Protein backbone atom coordinates (compact mmCIF):
# COMPACT_ATOMS: atom_id res chain seq x y z
CA MET A 1 0.00 0.00 0.00
CA SER A 2 1.41 3.40 -1.01
CA GLN A 3 2.10 6.08 1.56
CA SER A 4 -0.66 8.34 0.17
CA LYS A 5 -3.27 5.58 0.51
CA SER A 6 -2.19 4.92 4.07
CA ILE A 7 -2.53 8.58 4.93
CA ARG A 8 -6.04 8.70 3.41
CA ARG A 9 -7.12 5.61 5.42
CA LEU A 10 -5.80 7.18 8.62
CA ALA A 11 -7.69 10.38 7.84
CA VAL A 12 -10.96 8.47 7.38
CA LEU A 13 -10.40 6.60 10.63
CA SER A 14 -9.60 9.83 12.45
CA ARG A 15 -12.84 11.48 11.25
CA GLN A 16 -14.88 8.50 12.40
CA LEU A 17 -13.32 8.60 15.85
CA GLU A 18 -13.92 12.33 16.10
CA GLN A 19 -17.58 11.89 15.18
CA GLN A 20 -18.01 9.23 17.87
CA GLU A 21 -16.30 11.43 20.44
CA ASN A 22 -18.46 14.43 19.58
CA THR A 23 -21.64 12.32 19.85
CA LEU A 24 -20.65 11.12 23.31
CA LEU A 25 -19.80 14.63 24.49
CA SER A 26 -23.04 16.14 23.21
CA SER A 27 -25.22 13.43 24.74
CA GLY A 28 -23.48 13.36 28.07
CA GLY A 29 -22.20 9.81 27.70
CA LEU A 30 -23.26 6.49 26.22
CA VAL A 31 -26.87 6.27 25.16
CA ALA A 32 -28.80 3.03 24.87
CA GLN A 33 -30.00 2.49 21.35
CA PRO A 34 -33.37 0.87 20.66
CA CYS A 35 -33.20 -2.90 20.00
CA SER A 36 -35.06 -4.88 17.43
CA ALA A 37 -38.18 -6.81 18.37
CA THR A 38 -36.24 -10.04 17.97
CA ALA A 39 -33.60 -8.95 20.47
CA VAL A 40 -36.06 -8.00 23.20
CA ARG A 41 -37.97 -11.27 22.97
CA SER A 42 -37.53 -13.62 25.93
CA LEU A 43 -34.86 -16.25 25.44
CA PRO A 44 -36.20 -19.80 25.09
CA ARG A 45 -35.95 -22.03 28.13
CA PHE A 46 -33.11 -24.53 27.84
CA ASP A 47 -33.87 -28.00 29.15
CA PRO A 48 -30.67 -30.08 29.51
CA TYR A 49 -32.69 -33.28 29.88
CA VAL A 50 -34.12 -32.80 26.38
CA MET A 51 -30.60 -32.48 24.99
CA GLU A 52 -29.43 -35.55 26.90
CA THR A 53 -32.41 -37.50 25.59
CA TYR A 54 -31.52 -36.48 22.06
CA LEU A 55 -27.77 -37.12 22.30
CA ASP A 56 -27.68 -40.12 24.64
CA ASP A 57 -30.09 -42.83 23.60
CA LEU A 58 -28.29 -45.43 25.75
CA ARG A 59 -28.55 -43.56 29.06
CA GLU A 60 -30.59 -46.41 30.59
CA LEU A 61 -27.46 -48.57 30.44
CA LYS A 62 -25.49 -45.77 32.09
CA ARG A 63 -28.13 -45.60 34.84
CA GLN A 64 -27.81 -49.35 35.44
CA VAL A 65 -24.05 -49.14 35.84
CA TYR A 66 -24.32 -46.07 38.05
CA GLU A 67 -26.87 -47.62 40.38
CA LEU A 68 -24.95 -50.89 40.62
CA PHE A 69 -21.91 -49.15 42.09
CA LYS A 70 -23.91 -46.52 43.96
CA TYR A 71 -25.73 -49.11 46.05
CA GLN A 72 -22.73 -51.42 46.40
CA PRO A 73 -19.94 -49.05 47.45
CA GLU A 74 -17.81 -52.00 48.53
CA LEU A 75 -17.21 -52.54 44.80
CA LEU A 76 -15.52 -49.18 44.39
CA THR A 77 -11.74 -49.09 44.15
CA GLY A 78 -9.87 -47.60 47.09
CA PRO A 79 -6.33 -46.17 47.06
CA GLU A 80 -5.08 -48.50 49.79
CA LEU A 81 -5.48 -51.74 47.83
CA SER A 82 -2.50 -53.92 47.03
CA LYS A 83 -1.98 -55.21 43.49
CA GLU A 84 -3.42 -58.61 44.41
CA GLU A 85 -6.42 -57.06 46.19
CA HIS A 86 -7.08 -54.77 43.24
CA ARG A 87 -7.03 -57.67 40.78
CA ALA A 88 -9.47 -59.61 42.97
CA LEU A 89 -11.75 -56.59 43.25
CA VAL A 90 -11.83 -56.05 39.48
CA ARG A 91 -12.90 -59.67 38.98
CA THR A 92 -15.63 -59.13 41.59
CA GLN A 93 -16.73 -55.95 39.80
CA LEU A 94 -17.03 -57.80 36.51
CA ARG A 95 -19.03 -60.63 38.06
CA ALA A 96 -21.35 -58.10 39.73
CA LEU A 97 -21.93 -56.54 36.34
CA LEU A 98 -22.87 -59.94 34.92
CA ASP A 99 -25.17 -60.64 37.89
CA GLN A 100 -26.94 -57.38 37.02
CA GLY A 101 -27.76 -58.87 33.60
CA ILE A 102 -25.19 -56.83 31.69
CA ASN A 103 -23.24 -59.20 29.42
CA PRO A 104 -20.51 -57.37 27.45
CA LEU A 105 -19.96 -60.31 25.10
CA LEU A 106 -23.56 -60.18 23.92
CA PHE A 107 -23.10 -56.49 23.21
CA PHE A 108 -19.85 -57.19 21.36
CA ASP A 109 -21.59 -59.83 19.27
CA ARG A 110 -24.76 -57.88 18.49
CA ASP A 111 -24.35 -54.16 19.16
CA TYR A 112 -20.90 -52.52 18.95
CA LYS A 113 -22.30 -49.12 19.91
CA LYS A 114 -23.67 -50.46 23.18
CA TYR A 115 -20.46 -52.41 23.84
CA PHE A 116 -18.20 -49.37 23.57
CA TYR A 117 -20.70 -47.19 25.41
CA LEU A 118 -20.50 -49.68 28.29
CA ALA A 119 -16.69 -49.46 28.17
CA GLU A 120 -16.93 -45.69 28.63
CA CYS A 121 -19.25 -46.15 31.60
CA LEU A 122 -16.91 -48.69 33.22
CA SER A 123 -13.94 -46.35 32.79
CA LEU A 124 -15.68 -43.94 35.18
CA VAL A 125 -15.66 -46.70 37.81
CA ASP A 126 -12.15 -48.09 37.30
CA LEU A 127 -10.04 -48.13 34.15
CA SER A 128 -8.74 -51.54 35.20
CA LEU A 129 -12.31 -52.83 34.92
CA THR A 130 -12.50 -51.44 31.39
CA VAL A 131 -9.25 -53.21 30.51
CA LYS A 132 -10.36 -56.45 32.14
CA SER A 133 -13.62 -56.40 30.22
CA GLY A 134 -11.84 -55.45 26.99
CA VAL A 135 -9.35 -58.31 27.20
CA GLN A 136 -11.99 -60.85 28.16
CA TYR A 137 -14.57 -59.87 25.57
CA SER A 138 -12.87 -57.90 22.78
CA LEU A 139 -9.62 -59.87 22.56
CA TRP A 140 -10.40 -63.33 23.91
CA GLY A 141 -14.09 -63.43 23.04
CA GLY A 142 -13.55 -61.50 19.83
CA SER A 143 -10.96 -64.04 18.68
CA VAL A 144 -13.46 -66.85 19.09
CA LEU A 145 -16.23 -64.89 17.38
CA ASN A 146 -14.19 -63.57 14.47
CA LEU A 147 -11.54 -66.24 13.95
CA GLY A 148 -13.14 -69.40 15.29
CA THR A 149 -15.53 -71.80 13.67
CA GLU A 150 -19.12 -72.39 14.62
CA ALA A 151 -17.90 -75.32 16.70
CA HIS A 152 -15.62 -73.00 18.69
CA ARG A 153 -18.49 -70.60 19.24
CA ARG A 154 -20.77 -73.35 20.53
CA ALA A 155 -18.03 -74.66 22.82
CA TYR A 156 -16.80 -71.39 24.32
CA PHE A 157 -19.23 -68.52 23.78
CA ASP A 158 -21.40 -68.95 26.86
CA ASP A 159 -18.50 -69.65 29.22
CA ILE A 160 -16.56 -66.63 27.94
CA GLY A 161 -19.62 -64.44 28.33
CA SER A 162 -20.28 -65.59 31.91
CA PHE A 163 -16.59 -65.25 32.85
CA LYS A 164 -16.54 -68.94 33.66
CA LEU A 165 -13.74 -69.25 31.11
CA PRO A 166 -11.34 -66.31 31.54
CA GLY A 167 -8.81 -65.81 28.79
CA CYS A 168 -6.03 -63.60 27.51
CA PHE A 169 -4.49 -62.48 24.22
CA ALA A 170 -0.76 -63.16 23.93
CA MET A 171 0.30 -60.43 21.51
CA THR A 172 2.76 -58.11 23.28
CA GLU A 173 6.45 -59.02 23.14
CA LEU A 174 9.28 -57.60 25.24
CA LYS A 175 11.21 -55.99 22.37
CA HIS A 176 8.27 -55.01 20.16
CA GLY A 177 5.45 -53.95 22.46
CA SER A 178 2.27 -53.98 20.42
CA ASN A 179 4.01 -53.56 17.05
CA VAL A 180 2.23 -56.51 15.46
CA ALA A 181 4.28 -56.40 12.25
CA ALA A 182 7.50 -56.92 14.23
CA LEU A 183 6.35 -59.88 16.34
CA GLN A 184 8.72 -62.84 16.18
CA THR A 185 7.18 -65.67 18.18
CA GLU A 186 5.41 -68.13 15.90
CA ALA A 187 2.97 -70.97 16.46
CA VAL A 188 3.34 -73.56 13.71
CA LEU A 189 1.09 -76.59 13.34
CA ASP A 190 2.97 -79.88 13.08
CA VAL A 191 0.58 -81.84 10.89
CA LEU A 192 2.35 -85.14 11.63
CA THR A 193 1.82 -84.92 15.40
CA ASP A 194 -1.21 -82.62 15.27
CA GLU A 195 0.53 -80.31 17.74
CA TRP A 196 1.27 -76.61 17.82
CA VAL A 197 4.99 -75.85 18.04
CA ILE A 198 5.80 -72.49 19.67
CA ASN A 199 9.04 -70.89 18.46
CA THR A 200 10.47 -67.91 20.36
CA PRO A 201 13.79 -67.08 18.66
CA ASP A 202 15.29 -64.74 21.30
CA GLU A 203 14.58 -62.95 24.59
CA GLY A 204 13.08 -59.95 22.82
CA ALA A 205 10.33 -62.22 21.46
CA ILE A 206 9.20 -63.35 24.93
CA LYS A 207 5.51 -62.63 25.50
CA TRP A 208 5.27 -59.83 28.03
CA TRP A 209 2.61 -57.68 29.73
CA ILE A 210 -0.21 -60.00 28.72
CA GLY A 211 -3.43 -58.72 30.24
CA ASN A 212 -5.38 -61.39 32.19
CA ALA A 213 -2.44 -63.81 31.98
CA ALA A 214 -1.25 -63.28 35.56
CA GLU A 215 -4.09 -65.25 37.12
CA ASP A 216 -6.87 -65.76 34.60
CA GLY A 217 -5.13 -66.71 31.38
CA ARG A 218 -5.41 -70.32 30.29
CA ALA A 219 -3.50 -72.15 27.58
């Protein structure tokens, strides 16, 4: 922008400011200007319950989870628990959820939205409960549902769902974490003996940090 244009813009701005100043001085200060009819209308009443009803169509499930732990405070996690006590409590929490008629595996099989909504609700109780449920039903149960045959489903589905058959998912390795592409341990079927041969080539390929494996994993 040339210097002359800049000067002209400053002059226009200066005149506008002078006009505003003169108006204020002549009127004795700021004067309320009349508003439009729309502006003076009463604001509509906001009902948060209506919004919740619209946005959260699964709130009945949230209410069930909330009331379960509200009326059984002994299920809530305290800061003084040891590792072993915490693990035992999380198993008790999961069984209490099942006793309430909430079966995460059925949700995983039939309604993903409800399954992950439940996971969010459980995270407000204890993230360890969310992980426990996720390993049992997403990883262990999901493997049977998505990778197994109908025979596997008939044999294991109900027991996985009821937590009668706890399981784990041996993915993580010491050197690779959860980098699935870098995993080294292999399970190879020996067709002559009809046996699975597990090959772990080095220490970095040792299975490590396997959720549920400490006490509930079964081979």
